[in-house]
Amino acid sequence: MNDGNTTLNELKEQVHRLCLRKGWGVDGVQNPQQVAMAMTVEMSELLEHFQWLNPDDVRALMAGGDPERVALIAEEFADVMMYGLQLARTLGIDITGQVLRKIDIVDRRPPKPYNPKR
């Protein structure tokens, strides 16, 4: 399974089956409020990998210069995504529909100048 051949519904079900195997929640469904809070913890862990990087460090990361750090970032990103998939499944959120809706909303906003030196 990879991004090119896996649907979001398949991922939602894979995460749900993990919850069932682990005995998390009632019938594999965890409290969405707790899931949302857990996402913030995992997001903080993701951000720790960027906390003290300067712009050159980030450019090096993007160019493949630190594969070990990218692997750690990927693991934390997966945690965030798994909680997001649980939340979407539990609340019946169509991720694709909502992302496309949000793209439309952002497209309608006036552009803001981009400053890559931030």
C-alpha atoms as a PDB file:
ATOM      1  CA  MET A   1       0.000   0.000   0.000  1.00  0.00           C
ATOM      2  CA  ASN A   2       1.178   3.511  -0.820  1.00  0.00           C
ATOM      3  CA  ASP A   3      -0.261   6.934  -1.668  1.00  0.00           C
ATOM      4  CA  GLY A   4      -0.704   5.947  -5.312  1.00  0.00           C
ATOM      5  CA  ASN A   5      -2.876   2.902  -4.730  1.00  0.00           C
ATOM      6  CA  THR A   6      -4.640   3.389  -1.389  1.00  0.00           C
ATOM      7  CA  THR A   7      -7.869   5.287  -0.793  1.00  0.00           C
ATOM      8  CA  LEU A   8      -8.603   7.361   2.271  1.00  0.00           C
ATOM      9  CA  ASN A   9     -11.428   4.958   3.124  1.00  0.00           C
ATOM     10  CA  GLU A  10      -8.957   2.082   3.092  1.00  0.00           C
ATOM     11  CA  LEU A  11      -6.678   3.988   5.457  1.00  0.00           C
ATOM     12  CA  LYS A  12      -9.608   4.845   7.735  1.00  0.00           C
ATOM     13  CA  GLU A  13     -10.461   1.149   7.917  1.00  0.00           C
ATOM     14  CA  GLN A  14      -6.837   0.122   8.545  1.00  0.00           C
ATOM     15  CA  VAL A  15      -6.677   2.527  11.498  1.00  0.00           C
ATOM     16  CA  HIS A  16     -10.059   1.302  12.746  1.00  0.00           C
ATOM     17  CA  ARG A  17      -8.852  -2.309  12.628  1.00  0.00           C
ATOM     18  CA  LEU A  18      -5.779  -1.271  14.643  1.00  0.00           C
ATOM     19  CA  CYS A  19      -8.064   0.282  17.264  1.00  0.00           C
ATOM     20  CA  LEU A  20     -10.089  -2.930  17.381  1.00  0.00           C
ATOM     21  CA  ARG A  21      -6.949  -5.077  17.766  1.00  0.00           C
ATOM     22  CA  LYS A  22      -5.659  -2.835  20.551  1.00  0.00           C
ATOM     23  CA  GLY A  23      -9.028  -2.600  22.304  1.00  0.00           C
ATOM     24  CA  TRP A  24      -9.075   1.188  22.020  1.00  0.00           C
ATOM     25  CA  GLY A  25     -12.486   2.781  22.450  1.00  0.00           C
ATOM     26  CA  VAL A  26     -15.877   1.126  22.218  1.00  0.00           C
ATOM     27  CA  ASP A  27     -15.861  -1.220  19.212  1.00  0.00           C
ATOM     28  CA  GLY A  28     -12.699   0.525  18.001  1.00  0.00           C
ATOM     29  CA  VAL A  29     -14.241   3.995  18.151  1.00  0.00           C
ATOM     30  CA  GLN A  30     -12.494   6.398  20.495  1.00  0.00           C
ATOM     31  CA  ASN A  31     -14.015   9.572  21.920  1.00  0.00           C
ATOM     32  CA  PRO A  32     -13.567  12.215  19.178  1.00  0.00           C
ATOM     33  CA  GLN A  33     -12.836  14.916  21.755  1.00  0.00           C
ATOM     34  CA  GLN A  34      -9.957  12.862  23.144  1.00  0.00           C
ATOM     35  CA  VAL A  35      -8.750  12.018  19.643  1.00  0.00           C
ATOM     36  CA  ALA A  36      -8.662  15.723  18.726  1.00  0.00           C
ATOM     37  CA  MET A  37      -6.706  16.505  21.892  1.00  0.00           C
ATOM     38  CA  ALA A  38      -4.293  13.651  21.189  1.00  0.00           C
ATOM     39  CA  MET A  39      -3.693  15.116  17.725  1.00  0.00           C
ATOM     40  CA  THR A  40      -2.332  18.284  19.329  1.00  0.00           C
ATOM     41  CA  VAL A  41       0.124  16.254  21.408  1.00  0.00           C
ATOM     42  CA  GLU A  42       1.360  14.429  18.313  1.00  0.00           C
ATOM     43  CA  MET A  43       1.537  17.710  16.379  1.00  0.00           C
ATOM     44  CA  SER A  44       3.737  19.135  19.139  1.00  0.00           C
ATOM     45  CA  GLU A  45       6.021  16.120  18.821  1.00  0.00           C
ATOM     46  CA  LEU A  46       6.178  16.737  15.066  1.00  0.00           C
ATOM     47  CA  LEU A  47       7.031  20.408  15.597  1.00  0.00           C
ATOM     48  CA  GLU A  48       9.884  19.525  17.947  1.00  0.00           C
ATOM     49  CA  HIS A  49      11.834  18.256  14.939  1.00  0.00           C
ATOM     50  CA  PHE A  50      11.704  21.754  13.423  1.00  0.00           C
ATOM     51  CA  GLN A  51      12.016  23.838  16.594  1.00  0.00           C
ATOM     52  CA  TRP A  52      15.627  24.996  16.324  1.00  0.00           C
ATOM     53  CA  LEU A  53      16.245  24.634  12.601  1.00  0.00           C
ATOM     54  CA  ASN A  54      17.419  27.656  10.672  1.00  0.00           C
ATOM     55  CA  PRO A  55      16.384  28.264   7.046  1.00  0.00           C
ATOM     56  CA  ASP A  56      19.485  26.491   5.702  1.00  0.00           C
ATOM     57  CA  ASP A  57      18.677  23.423   7.819  1.00  0.00           C
ATOM     58  CA  VAL A  58      15.149  23.366   6.416  1.00  0.00           C
ATOM     59  CA  ARG A  59      16.411  23.682   2.852  1.00  0.00           C
ATOM     60  CA  ALA A  60      18.825  20.805   3.493  1.00  0.00           C
ATOM     61  CA  LEU A  61      15.926  18.732   4.858  1.00  0.00           C
ATOM     62  CA  MET A  62      13.895  19.437   1.749  1.00  0.00           C
ATOM     63  CA  ALA A  63      16.847  18.464  -0.465  1.00  0.00           C
ATOM     64  CA  GLY A  64      17.220  15.091   1.257  1.00  0.00           C
ATOM     65  CA  GLY A  65      20.177  16.138   3.413  1.00  0.00           C
ATOM     66  CA  ASP A  66      18.905  14.612   6.665  1.00  0.00           C
ATOM     67  CA  PRO A  67      17.061  11.338   5.994  1.00  0.00           C
ATOM     68  CA  GLU A  68      17.180  10.316   9.663  1.00  0.00           C
ATOM     69  CA  ARG A  69      15.302  13.453  10.716  1.00  0.00           C
ATOM     70  CA  VAL A  70      12.830  13.009   7.865  1.00  0.00           C
ATOM     71  CA  ALA A  71      12.133   9.460   9.097  1.00  0.00           C
ATOM     72  CA  LEU A  72      11.384  10.809  12.591  1.00  0.00           C
ATOM     73  CA  ILE A  73       9.181  13.543  11.117  1.00  0.00           C
ATOM     74  CA  ALA A  74       7.356  10.927   9.019  1.00  0.00           C
ATOM     75  CA  GLU A  75       6.620   8.847  12.108  1.00  0.00           C
ATOM     76  CA  GLU A  76       5.121  11.804  13.975  1.00  0.00           C
ATOM     77  CA  PHE A  77       3.214  12.873  10.865  1.00  0.00           C
ATOM     78  CA  ALA A  78       1.754   9.350  10.671  1.00  0.00           C
ATOM     79  CA  ASP A  79       0.562   9.674  14.282  1.00  0.00           C
ATOM     80  CA  VAL A  80      -1.205  12.954  13.463  1.00  0.00           C
ATOM     81  CA  MET A  81      -2.759  11.477  10.328  1.00  0.00           C
ATOM     82  CA  MET A  82      -3.927   8.326  12.110  1.00  0.00           C
ATOM     83  CA  TYR A  83      -5.773  10.411  14.692  1.00  0.00           C
ATOM     84  CA  GLY A  84      -7.202  12.545  11.873  1.00  0.00           C
ATOM     85  CA  LEU A  85      -8.421   9.457  10.046  1.00  0.00           C
ATOM     86  CA  GLN A  86     -10.054   8.178  13.240  1.00  0.00           C
ATOM     87  CA  LEU A  87     -11.775  11.508  13.747  1.00  0.00           C
ATOM     88  CA  ALA A  88     -12.992  11.616  10.147  1.00  0.00           C
ATOM     89  CA  ARG A  89     -14.310   8.046  10.296  1.00  0.00           C
ATOM     90  CA  THR A  90     -16.054   8.562  13.631  1.00  0.00           C
ATOM     91  CA  LEU A  91     -17.716  11.840  12.625  1.00  0.00           C
ATOM     92  CA  GLY A  92     -18.476  10.827   9.028  1.00  0.00           C
ATOM     93  CA  ILE A  93     -16.214  13.479   7.512  1.00  0.00           C
ATOM     94  CA  ASP A  94     -15.526  13.083   3.802  1.00  0.00           C
ATOM     95  CA  ILE A  95     -11.881  14.163   3.773  1.00  0.00           C
ATOM     96  CA  THR A  96     -11.637  14.647   0.012  1.00  0.00           C
ATOM     97  CA  GLY A  97     -14.824  16.701  -0.110  1.00  0.00           C
ATOM     98  CA  GLN A  98     -13.722  18.890   2.779  1.00  0.00           C
ATOM     99  CA  VAL A  99     -10.211  19.433   1.399  1.00  0.00           C
ATOM    100  CA  LEU A 100     -11.645  20.429  -1.985  1.00  0.00           C
ATOM    101  CA  ARG A 101     -14.154  22.712  -0.249  1.00  0.00           C
ATOM    102  CA  LYS A 102     -11.333  24.355   1.730  1.00  0.00           C
ATOM    103  CA  ILE A 103      -9.198  24.775  -1.404  1.00  0.00           C
ATOM    104  CA  ASP A 104     -12.127  26.641  -2.975  1.00  0.00           C
ATOM    105  CA  ILE A 105     -12.453  28.879   0.110  1.00  0.00           C
ATOM    106  CA  VAL A 106      -8.726  29.680   0.111  1.00  0.00           C
ATOM    107  CA  ASP A 107      -8.737  30.288  -3.657  1.00  0.00           C
ATOM    108  CA  ARG A 108     -11.372  32.987  -3.148  1.00  0.00           C
ATOM    109  CA  ARG A 109      -9.246  34.873  -0.608  1.00  0.00           C
ATOM    110  CA  PRO A 110      -7.032  37.698  -1.819  1.00  0.00           C
ATOM    111  CA  PRO A 111      -3.401  36.624  -2.080  1.00  0.00           C
ATOM    112  CA  LYS A 112      -0.965  37.481   0.687  1.00  0.00           C
ATOM    113  CA  PRO A 113       2.656  38.228  -0.159  1.00  0.00           C
ATOM    114  CA  TYR A 114       4.962  35.282   0.425  1.00  0.00           C
ATOM    115  CA  ASN A 115       8.145  35.918   2.397  1.00  0.00           C
ATOM    116  CA  PRO A 116      10.477  32.890   2.151  1.00  0.00           C
ATOM    117  CA  LYS A 117      12.944  34.417   4.643  1.00  0.00           C
ATOM    118  CA  ARG A 118      10.613  33.855   7.593  1.00  0.00           C
END
